[in-house]
Amino acid sequence: AATMARPIAALYDDDPDRPDAFSASLPTEGGALRLDYGRTAIDR
């Protein structure tokens, strides 16, 4: 309720580390599976 009016883009403006902080990876034989969930309204 307190954050729902905040644009998702603002989270990137306020947190330069967001692309790495809001992603996780699993190494695989052919590379990696990468989950990028930065483009959600979830903050730290």
All heavy atoms as atom14 arrays in JSON, in Angstrom:
{
  "sequence": "AATMARPIAALYDDDPDRPDAFSASLPTEGGALRLDYGRTAIDR",
  "atom14_mask": [
    [1, 1, 1, 1, 1, 0, 0, 0, 0, 0, 0, 0, 0, 0],
    [1, 1, 1, 1, 1, 0, 0, 0, 0, 0, 0, 0, 0, 0],
    [1, 1, 1, 1, 1, 1, 1, 0, 0, 0, 0, 0, 0, 0],
    [1, 1, 1, 1, 1, 1, 1, 1, 0, 0, 0, 0, 0, 0],
    [1, 1, 1, 1, 1, 0, 0, 0, 0, 0, 0, 0, 0, 0],
    [1, 1, 1, 1, 1, 1, 1, 1, 1, 1, 1, 0, 0, 0],
    [1, 1, 1, 1, 1, 1, 1, 0, 0, 0, 0, 0, 0, 0],
    [1, 1, 1, 1, 1, 1, 1, 1, 0, 0, 0, 0, 0, 0],
    [1, 1, 1, 1, 1, 0, 0, 0, 0, 0, 0, 0, 0, 0],
    [1, 1, 1, 1, 1, 0, 0, 0, 0, 0, 0, 0, 0, 0],
    [1, 1, 1, 1, 1, 1, 1, 1, 0, 0, 0, 0, 0, 0],
    [1, 1, 1, 1, 1, 1, 1, 1, 1, 1, 1, 1, 0, 0],
    [1, 1, 1, 1, 1, 1, 1, 1, 0, 0, 0, 0, 0, 0],
    [1, 1, 1, 1, 1, 1, 1, 1, 0, 0, 0, 0, 0, 0],
    [1, 1, 1, 1, 1, 1, 1, 1, 0, 0, 0, 0, 0, 0],
    [1, 1, 1, 1, 1, 1, 1, 0, 0, 0, 0, 0, 0, 0],
    [1, 1, 1, 1, 1, 1, 1, 1, 0, 0, 0, 0, 0, 0],
    [1, 1, 1, 1, 1, 1, 1, 1, 1, 1, 1, 0, 0, 0],
    [1, 1, 1, 1, 1, 1, 1, 0, 0, 0, 0, 0, 0, 0],
    [1, 1, 1, 1, 1, 1, 1, 1, 0, 0, 0, 0, 0, 0],
    [1, 1, 1, 1, 1, 0, 0, 0, 0, 0, 0, 0, 0, 0],
    [1, 1, 1, 1, 1, 1, 1, 1, 1, 1, 1, 0, 0, 0],
    [1, 1, 1, 1, 1, 1, 0, 0, 0, 0, 0, 0, 0, 0],
    [1, 1, 1, 1, 1, 0, 0, 0, 0, 0, 0, 0, 0, 0],
    [1, 1, 1, 1, 1, 1, 0, 0, 0, 0, 0, 0, 0, 0],
    [1, 1, 1, 1, 1, 1, 1, 1, 0, 0, 0, 0, 0, 0],
    [1, 1, 1, 1, 1, 1, 1, 0, 0, 0, 0, 0, 0, 0],
    [1, 1, 1, 1, 1, 1, 1, 0, 0, 0, 0, 0, 0, 0],
    [1, 1, 1, 1, 1, 1, 1, 1, 1, 0, 0, 0, 0, 0],
    [1, 1, 1, 1, 0, 0, 0, 0, 0, 0, 0, 0, 0, 0],
    [1, 1, 1, 1, 0, 0, 0, 0, 0, 0, 0, 0, 0, 0],
    [1, 1, 1, 1, 1, 0, 0, 0, 0, 0, 0, 0, 0, 0],
    [1, 1, 1, 1, 1, 1, 1, 1, 0, 0, 0, 0, 0, 0],
    [1, 1, 1, 1, 1, 1, 1, 1, 1, 1, 1, 0, 0, 0],
    [1, 1, 1, 1, 1, 1, 1, 1, 0, 0, 0, 0, 0, 0],
    [1, 1, 1, 1, 1, 1, 1, 1, 0, 0, 0, 0, 0, 0],
    [1, 1, 1, 1, 1, 1, 1, 1, 1, 1, 1, 1, 0, 0],
    [1, 1, 1, 1, 0, 0, 0, 0, 0, 0, 0, 0, 0, 0],
    [1, 1, 1, 1, 1, 1, 1, 1, 1, 1, 1, 0, 0, 0],
    [1, 1, 1, 1, 1, 1, 1, 0, 0, 0, 0, 0, 0, 0],
    [1, 1, 1, 1, 1, 0, 0, 0, 0, 0, 0, 0, 0, 0],
    [1, 1, 1, 1, 1, 1, 1, 1, 0, 0, 0, 0, 0, 0],
    [1, 1, 1, 1, 1, 1, 1, 1, 0, 0, 0, 0, 0, 0],
    [1, 1, 1, 1, 1, 1, 1, 1, 1, 1, 1, 0, 0, 0]
  ],
  "atom14_positions": [
    [[0.83, -1.21, 0.0], [0.0, 0.0, 0.0], [0.86, 1.26, 0.0], [0.52, 2.26, -0.65], [-0.93, 0.0, 1.2], [0.0, 0.0, 0.0], [0.0, 0.0, 0.0], [0.0, 0.0, 0.0], [0.0, 0.0, 0.0], [0.0, 0.0, 0.0], [0.0, 0.0, 0.0], [0.0, 0.0, 0.0], [0.0, 0.0, 0.0], [0.0, 0.0, 0.0]],
    [[1.99, 1.2, 0.71], [2.84, 2.38, 0.81], [3.65, 2.64, -0.45], [4.12, 3.77, -0.67], [3.79, 2.23, 2.0], [0.0, 0.0, 0.0], [0.0, 0.0, 0.0], [0.0, 0.0, 0.0], [0.0, 0.0, 0.0], [0.0, 0.0, 0.0], [0.0, 0.0, 0.0], [0.0, 0.0, 0.0], [0.0, 0.0, 0.0], [0.0, 0.0, 0.0]],
    [[3.82, 1.61, -1.3], [4.73, 1.75, -2.45], [4.03, 1.57, -3.79], [4.68, 1.72, -4.83], [5.87, 0.72, -2.36], [5.31, -0.61, -2.33], [6.71, 0.93, -1.11], [0.0, 0.0, 0.0], [0.0, 0.0, 0.0], [0.0, 0.0, 0.0], [0.0, 0.0, 0.0], [0.0, 0.0, 0.0], [0.0, 0.0, 0.0], [0.0, 0.0, 0.0]],
    [[2.74, 1.3, -3.8], [2.1, 0.92, -5.06], [2.06, 2.06, -6.08], [1.94, 1.81, -7.29], [0.69, 0.38, -4.82], [-0.29, 1.35, -4.23], [-1.87, 0.55, -3.84], [-2.35, -0.14, -5.43], [0.0, 0.0, 0.0], [0.0, 0.0, 0.0], [0.0, 0.0, 0.0], [0.0, 0.0, 0.0], [0.0, 0.0, 0.0], [0.0, 0.0, 0.0]],
    [[2.17, 3.31, -5.65], [2.16, 4.42, -6.6], [3.53, 4.67, -7.22], [3.65, 5.46, -8.15], [1.67, 5.69, -5.91], [0.0, 0.0, 0.0], [0.0, 0.0, 0.0], [0.0, 0.0, 0.0], [0.0, 0.0, 0.0], [0.0, 0.0, 0.0], [0.0, 0.0, 0.0], [0.0, 0.0, 0.0], [0.0, 0.0, 0.0], [0.0, 0.0, 0.0]],
    [[4.55, 4.0, -6.73], [5.91, 4.23, -7.22], [6.14, 3.49, -8.53], [5.94, 2.29, -8.62], [6.91, 3.74, -6.17], [8.37, 3.91, -6.55], [9.26, 3.3, -5.46], [8.95, 1.9, -5.24], [9.32, 1.21, -4.16], [9.98, 1.8, -3.19], [9.0, -0.07, -4.04], [0.0, 0.0, 0.0], [0.0, 0.0, 0.0], [0.0, 0.0, 0.0]],
    [[6.59, 4.16, -9.59], [6.87, 3.47, -10.85], [8.04, 2.49, -10.69], [8.98, 2.76, -9.93], [7.25, 4.6, -11.81], [6.75, 5.85, -11.17], [6.8, 5.62, -9.69], [0.0, 0.0, 0.0], [0.0, 0.0, 0.0], [0.0, 0.0, 0.0], [0.0, 0.0, 0.0], [0.0, 0.0, 0.0], [0.0, 0.0, 0.0], [0.0, 0.0, 0.0]],
    [[7.97, 1.39, -11.42], [9.07, 0.41, -11.36], [10.38, 1.05, -11.84], [11.45, 0.79, -11.27], [8.72, -0.82, -12.22], [7.51, -1.55, -11.61], [9.91, -1.78, -12.3], [6.99, -2.69, -12.47], [0.0, 0.0, 0.0], [0.0, 0.0, 0.0], [0.0, 0.0, 0.0], [0.0, 0.0, 0.0], [0.0, 0.0, 0.0], [0.0, 0.0, 0.0]],
    [[10.29, 1.9, -12.85], [11.5, 2.54, -13.37], [12.23, 3.32, -12.28], [13.47, 3.43, -12.31], [11.16, 3.44, -14.54], [0.0, 0.0, 0.0], [0.0, 0.0, 0.0], [0.0, 0.0, 0.0], [0.0, 0.0, 0.0], [0.0, 0.0, 0.0], [0.0, 0.0, 0.0], [0.0, 0.0, 0.0], [0.0, 0.0, 0.0], [0.0, 0.0, 0.0]],
    [[11.48, 3.85, -11.32], [12.11, 4.63, -10.26], [13.02, 3.76, -9.39], [13.98, 4.25, -8.8], [11.05, 5.29, -9.39], [0.0, 0.0, 0.0], [0.0, 0.0, 0.0], [0.0, 0.0, 0.0], [0.0, 0.0, 0.0], [0.0, 0.0, 0.0], [0.0, 0.0, 0.0], [0.0, 0.0, 0.0], [0.0, 0.0, 0.0], [0.0, 0.0, 0.0]],
    [[12.72, 2.47, -9.32], [13.56, 1.58, -8.54], [14.96, 1.49, -9.14], [15.96, 1.34, -8.41], [12.93, 0.19, -8.46], [11.61, 0.1, -7.68], [10.98, -1.27, -7.85], [11.84, 0.4, -6.21], [0.0, 0.0, 0.0], [0.0, 0.0, 0.0], [0.0, 0.0, 0.0], [0.0, 0.0, 0.0], [0.0, 0.0, 0.0], [0.0, 0.0, 0.0]],
    [[15.04, 1.55, -10.45], [16.36, 1.55, -11.11], [17.08, 2.88, -10.88], [18.3, 2.91, -10.7], [16.2, 1.28, -12.61], [15.93, -0.17, -12.94], [14.63, -0.66, -12.99], [16.97, -1.04, -13.19], [14.38, -1.98, -13.3], [16.73, -2.38, -13.5], [15.44, -2.84, -13.54], [15.19, -4.16, -13.83], [0.0, 0.0, 0.0], [0.0, 0.0, 0.0]],
    [[16.32, 3.95, -10.9], [16.94, 5.26, -10.68], [17.49, 5.37, -9.26], [18.54, 5.99, -9.04], [15.9, 6.36, -10.91], [15.39, 6.38, -12.34], [16.12, 5.9, -13.24], [14.25, 6.84, -12.56], [0.0, 0.0, 0.0], [0.0, 0.0, 0.0], [0.0, 0.0, 0.0], [0.0, 0.0, 0.0], [0.0, 0.0, 0.0], [0.0, 0.0, 0.0]],
    [[16.82, 4.76, -8.29], [17.22, 4.86, -6.89], [18.25, 3.82, -6.49], [18.87, 3.95, -5.42], [16.0, 4.72, -5.97], [14.99, 5.84, -6.19], [15.37, 6.89, -6.73], [13.81, 5.64, -5.85], [0.0, 0.0, 0.0], [0.0, 0.0, 0.0], [0.0, 0.0, 0.0], [0.0, 0.0, 0.0], [0.0, 0.0, 0.0], [0.0, 0.0, 0.0]],
    [[18.42, 2.79, -7.31], [19.3, 1.67, -6.92], [20.14, 1.24, -8.13], [19.72, 0.39, -8.91], [18.46, 0.5, -6.41], [19.3, -0.63, -5.82], [20.55, -0.57, -5.93], [18.71, -1.57, -5.26], [0.0, 0.0, 0.0], [0.0, 0.0, 0.0], [0.0, 0.0, 0.0], [0.0, 0.0, 0.0], [0.0, 0.0, 0.0], [0.0, 0.0, 0.0]],
    [[21.33, 1.82, -8.31], [22.16, 1.48, -9.48], [22.55, 0.0, -9.53], [22.87, -0.51, -10.6], [23.41, 2.37, -9.28], [23.0, 3.43, -8.33], [21.95, 2.84, -7.46], [0.0, 0.0, 0.0], [0.0, 0.0, 0.0], [0.0, 0.0, 0.0], [0.0, 0.0, 0.0], [0.0, 0.0, 0.0], [0.0, 0.0, 0.0], [0.0, 0.0, 0.0]],
    [[22.53, -0.68, -8.39], [22.92, -2.09, -8.35], [21.74, -3.03, -8.64], [21.91, -4.25, -8.59], [23.49, -2.44, -6.98], [24.78, -1.69, -6.68], [25.52, -1.39, -7.64], [25.03, -1.38, -5.5], [0.0, 0.0, 0.0], [0.0, 0.0, 0.0], [0.0, 0.0, 0.0], [0.0, 0.0, 0.0], [0.0, 0.0, 0.0], [0.0, 0.0, 0.0]],
    [[20.58, -2.47, -8.95], [19.39, -3.31, -9.09], [19.53, -4.43, -10.13], [19.1, -5.56, -9.87], [18.17, -2.44, -9.4], [16.85, -3.24, -9.38], [15.64, -2.33, -9.46], [14.41, -3.11, -9.5], [13.76, -3.55, -8.43], [14.23, -3.31, -7.22], [12.64, -4.25, -8.56], [0.0, 0.0, 0.0], [0.0, 0.0, 0.0], [0.0, 0.0, 0.0]],
    [[20.13, -4.2, -11.32], [20.21, -5.29, -12.3], [20.88, -6.54, -11.75], [20.46, -7.66, -12.05], [21.01, -4.67, -13.45], [20.71, -3.21, -13.36], [20.63, -2.93, -11.88], [0.0, 0.0, 0.0], [0.0, 0.0, 0.0], [0.0, 0.0, 0.0], [0.0, 0.0, 0.0], [0.0, 0.0, 0.0], [0.0, 0.0, 0.0], [0.0, 0.0, 0.0]],
    [[21.93, -6.38, -10.95], [22.6, -7.54, -10.37], [21.93, -8.0, -9.08], [21.84, -9.2, -8.81], [24.07, -7.23, -10.09], [24.88, -7.06, -11.37], [24.53, -7.73, -12.37], [25.84, -6.28, -11.37], [0.0, 0.0, 0.0], [0.0, 0.0, 0.0], [0.0, 0.0, 0.0], [0.0, 0.0, 0.0], [0.0, 0.0, 0.0], [0.0, 0.0, 0.0]],
    [[21.45, -7.05, -8.29], [20.86, -7.4, -7.0], [19.54, -8.13, -7.15], [19.15, -8.89, -6.25], [20.68, -6.13, -6.16], [0.0, 0.0, 0.0], [0.0, 0.0, 0.0], [0.0, 0.0, 0.0], [0.0, 0.0, 0.0], [0.0, 0.0, 0.0], [0.0, 0.0, 0.0], [0.0, 0.0, 0.0], [0.0, 0.0, 0.0], [0.0, 0.0, 0.0]],
    [[18.84, -7.89, -8.26], [17.55, -8.52, -8.47], [17.6, -9.51, -9.64], [16.76, -9.52, -10.54], [16.46, -7.46, -8.66], [16.06, -6.81, -7.38], [16.87, -5.84, -6.8], [14.92, -7.19, -6.7], [16.53, -5.25, -5.59], [14.57, -6.61, -5.49], [15.38, -5.64, -4.93], [0.0, 0.0, 0.0], [0.0, 0.0, 0.0], [0.0, 0.0, 0.0]],
    [[18.64, -10.32, -9.62], [18.77, -11.42, -10.57], [19.49, -12.56, -9.86], [20.17, -12.35, -8.85], [19.52, -11.01, -11.83], [20.87, -10.67, -11.51], [0.0, 0.0, 0.0], [0.0, 0.0, 0.0], [0.0, 0.0, 0.0], [0.0, 0.0, 0.0], [0.0, 0.0, 0.0], [0.0, 0.0, 0.0], [0.0, 0.0, 0.0], [0.0, 0.0, 0.0]],
    [[19.31, -13.75, -10.35], [19.98, -14.92, -9.8], [20.22, -15.89, -10.95], [19.47, -15.92, -11.93], [19.14, -15.57, -8.71], [0.0, 0.0, 0.0], [0.0, 0.0, 0.0], [0.0, 0.0, 0.0], [0.0, 0.0, 0.0], [0.0, 0.0, 0.0], [0.0, 0.0, 0.0], [0.0, 0.0, 0.0], [0.0, 0.0, 0.0], [0.0, 0.0, 0.0]],
    [[21.27, -16.71, -10.84], [21.65, -17.59, -11.93], [21.98, -18.99, -11.42], [22.39, -19.17, -10.27], [22.87, -17.03, -12.68], [22.59, -15.8, -13.28], [0.0, 0.0, 0.0], [0.0, 0.0, 0.0], [0.0, 0.0, 0.0], [0.0, 0.0, 0.0], [0.0, 0.0, 0.0], [0.0, 0.0, 0.0], [0.0, 0.0, 0.0], [0.0, 0.0, 0.0]],
    [[21.8, -19.94, -12.31], [22.23, -21.32, -12.08], [23.14, -21.71, -13.24], [22.67, -21.8, -14.38], [21.03, -22.26, -12.01], [21.36, -23.76, -12.0], [22.16, -24.13, -10.75], [20.09, -24.6, -12.09], [0.0, 0.0, 0.0], [0.0, 0.0, 0.0], [0.0, 0.0, 0.0], [0.0, 0.0, 0.0], [0.0, 0.0, 0.0], [0.0, 0.0, 0.0]],
    [[24.44, -21.92, -12.99], [25.33, -22.36, -14.08], [24.87, -23.69, -14.65], [24.42, -24.58, -13.92], [26.69, -22.49, -13.39], [26.59, -21.64, -12.17], [25.16, -21.74, -11.73], [0.0, 0.0, 0.0], [0.0, 0.0, 0.0], [0.0, 0.0, 0.0], [0.0, 0.0, 0.0], [0.0, 0.0, 0.0], [0.0, 0.0, 0.0], [0.0, 0.0, 0.0]],
    [[24.97, -23.83, -15.96], [24.62, -25.08, -16.63], [25.75, -25.45, -17.58], [26.67, -24.66, -17.83], [23.31, -24.96, -17.43], [23.54, -24.09, -18.55], [22.19, -24.4, -16.57], [0.0, 0.0, 0.0], [0.0, 0.0, 0.0], [0.0, 0.0, 0.0], [0.0, 0.0, 0.0], [0.0, 0.0, 0.0], [0.0, 0.0, 0.0], [0.0, 0.0, 0.0]],
    [[25.64, -26.63, -18.14], [26.67, -27.11, -19.07], [26.78, -26.19, -20.29], [27.85, -25.98, -20.83], [26.33, -28.53, -19.51], [27.43, -29.23, -20.28], [27.1, -30.68, -20.55], [26.72, -31.39, -19.6], [27.24, -31.11, -21.71], [0.0, 0.0, 0.0], [0.0, 0.0, 0.0], [0.0, 0.0, 0.0], [0.0, 0.0, 0.0], [0.0, 0.0, 0.0]],
    [[25.66, -25.62, -20.71], [25.67, -24.79, -21.91], [25.74, -23.3, -21.63], [25.66, -22.5, -22.56], [0.0, 0.0, 0.0], [0.0, 0.0, 0.0], [0.0, 0.0, 0.0], [0.0, 0.0, 0.0], [0.0, 0.0, 0.0], [0.0, 0.0, 0.0], [0.0, 0.0, 0.0], [0.0, 0.0, 0.0], [0.0, 0.0, 0.0], [0.0, 0.0, 0.0]],
    [[25.85, -22.9, -20.36], [25.89, -21.48, -20.04], [25.32, -21.23, -18.66], [25.93, -21.6, -17.67], [0.0, 0.0, 0.0], [0.0, 0.0, 0.0], [0.0, 0.0, 0.0], [0.0, 0.0, 0.0], [0.0, 0.0, 0.0], [0.0, 0.0, 0.0], [0.0, 0.0, 0.0], [0.0, 0.0, 0.0], [0.0, 0.0, 0.0], [0.0, 0.0, 0.0]],
    [[24.12, -20.68, -18.6], [23.47, -20.44, -17.31], [22.0, -20.16, -17.52], [21.59, -19.65, -18.56], [24.14, -19.27, -16.58], [0.0, 0.0, 0.0], [0.0, 0.0, 0.0], [0.0, 0.0, 0.0], [0.0, 0.0, 0.0], [0.0, 0.0, 0.0], [0.0, 0.0, 0.0], [0.0, 0.0, 0.0], [0.0, 0.0, 0.0], [0.0, 0.0, 0.0]],
    [[21.21, -20.51, -16.51], [19.82, -20.06, -16.43], [19.82, -18.8, -15.57], [20.27, -18.83, -14.42], [18.95, -21.13, -15.77], [18.61, -22.36, -16.58], [17.91, -23.38, -15.71], [17.75, -22.0, -17.77], [0.0, 0.0, 0.0], [0.0, 0.0, 0.0], [0.0, 0.0, 0.0], [0.0, 0.0, 0.0], [0.0, 0.0, 0.0], [0.0, 0.0, 0.0]],
    [[19.33, -17.72, -16.11], [19.34, -16.45, -15.38], [17.92, -15.96, -15.19], [17.14, -15.88, -16.15], [20.16, -15.41, -16.15], [20.17, -14.01, -15.5], [21.0, -13.04, -16.34], [20.87, -11.66, -15.87], [21.63, -11.12, -14.93], [22.58, -11.85, -14.36], [21.47, -9.86, -14.57], [0.0, 0.0, 0.0], [0.0, 0.0, 0.0], [0.0, 0.0, 0.0]],
    [[17.59, -15.64, -13.96], [16.3, -15.06, -13.61], [16.5, -13.59, -13.29], [17.2, -13.25, -12.34], [15.7, -15.78, -12.4], [14.48, -15.13, -11.74], [13.3, -15.1, -12.69], [14.11, -15.85, -10.44], [0.0, 0.0, 0.0], [0.0, 0.0, 0.0], [0.0, 0.0, 0.0], [0.0, 0.0, 0.0], [0.0, 0.0, 0.0], [0.0, 0.0, 0.0]],
    [[15.9, -12.72, -14.08], [15.96, -11.28, -13.86], [14.57, -10.83, -13.42], [13.63, -10.84, -14.21], [16.38, -10.58, -15.15], [16.44, -9.06, -15.03], [16.01, -8.52, -13.99], [16.89, -8.41, -15.98], [0.0, 0.0, 0.0], [0.0, 0.0, 0.0], [0.0, 0.0, 0.0], [0.0, 0.0, 0.0], [0.0, 0.0, 0.0], [0.0, 0.0, 0.0]],
    [[14.44, -10.45, -12.17], [13.13, -10.01, -11.66], [13.16, -8.55, -11.23], [12.33, -8.1, -10.45], [12.66, -10.93, -10.53], [13.54, -10.99, -9.3], [13.2, -10.29, -8.15], [14.69, -11.76, -9.28], [13.99, -10.35, -7.01], [15.5, -11.83, -8.16], [15.14, -11.12, -7.02], [15.93, -11.19, -5.9], [0.0, 0.0, 0.0], [0.0, 0.0, 0.0]],
    [[14.11, -7.8, -11.79], [14.19, -6.38, -11.48], [13.02, -5.58, -11.99], [12.65, -4.55, -11.4], [0.0, 0.0, 0.0], [0.0, 0.0, 0.0], [0.0, 0.0, 0.0], [0.0, 0.0, 0.0], [0.0, 0.0, 0.0], [0.0, 0.0, 0.0], [0.0, 0.0, 0.0], [0.0, 0.0, 0.0], [0.0, 0.0, 0.0], [0.0, 0.0, 0.0]],
    [[12.39, -6.03, -13.08], [11.27, -5.29, -13.66], [9.95, -5.67, -12.98], [8.95, -5.93, -13.63], [11.2, -5.54, -15.16], [12.37, -4.95, -15.95], [12.19, -5.26, -17.44], [13.25, -4.72, -18.25], [14.41, -5.33, -18.55], [14.65, -6.53, -18.02], [15.3, -4.76, -19.32], [0.0, 0.0, 0.0], [0.0, 0.0, 0.0], [0.0, 0.0, 0.0]],
    [[10.0, -5.76, -11.65], [8.79, -5.92, -10.85], [8.79, -4.8, -9.82], [9.79, -4.09, -9.64], [8.77, -7.27, -10.1], [9.79, -7.27, -9.09], [9.01, -8.44, -11.06], [0.0, 0.0, 0.0], [0.0, 0.0, 0.0], [0.0, 0.0, 0.0], [0.0, 0.0, 0.0], [0.0, 0.0, 0.0], [0.0, 0.0, 0.0], [0.0, 0.0, 0.0]],
    [[7.7, -4.65, -9.11], [7.6, -3.6, -8.09], [8.23, -4.03, -6.77], [8.14, -3.29, -5.79], [6.15, -3.22, -7.88], [0.0, 0.0, 0.0], [0.0, 0.0, 0.0], [0.0, 0.0, 0.0], [0.0, 0.0, 0.0], [0.0, 0.0, 0.0], [0.0, 0.0, 0.0], [0.0, 0.0, 0.0], [0.0, 0.0, 0.0], [0.0, 0.0, 0.0]],
    [[8.85, -5.19, -6.74], [9.48, -5.68, -5.51], [10.77, -4.9, -5.27], [11.65, -4.84, -6.13], [9.78, -7.18, -5.61], [8.48, -7.96, -5.84], [10.48, -7.67, -4.34], [8.7, -9.43, -6.15], [0.0, 0.0, 0.0], [0.0, 0.0, 0.0], [0.0, 0.0, 0.0], [0.0, 0.0, 0.0], [0.0, 0.0, 0.0], [0.0, 0.0, 0.0]],
    [[10.88, -4.3, -4.09], [12.13, -3.62, -3.72], [12.83, -4.46, -2.65], [12.41, -5.58, -2.33], [11.85, -2.19, -3.22], [10.91, -2.15, -2.02], [10.66, -3.22, -1.41], [10.42, -1.06, -1.69], [0.0, 0.0, 0.0], [0.0, 0.0, 0.0], [0.0, 0.0, 0.0], [0.0, 0.0, 0.0], [0.0, 0.0, 0.0], [0.0, 0.0, 0.0]],
    [[13.92, -3.93, -2.11], [14.71, -4.71, -1.15], [13.89, -5.06, 0.1], [13.98, -6.17, 0.62], [15.99, -3.96, -0.79], [16.99, -3.91, -1.94], [18.22, -3.09, -1.61], [19.07, -2.93, -2.77], [20.15, -3.68, -3.04], [20.49, -4.65, -2.22], [20.88, -3.47, -4.12], [0.0, 0.0, 0.0], [0.0, 0.0, 0.0], [0.0, 0.0, 0.0]]
  ]
}
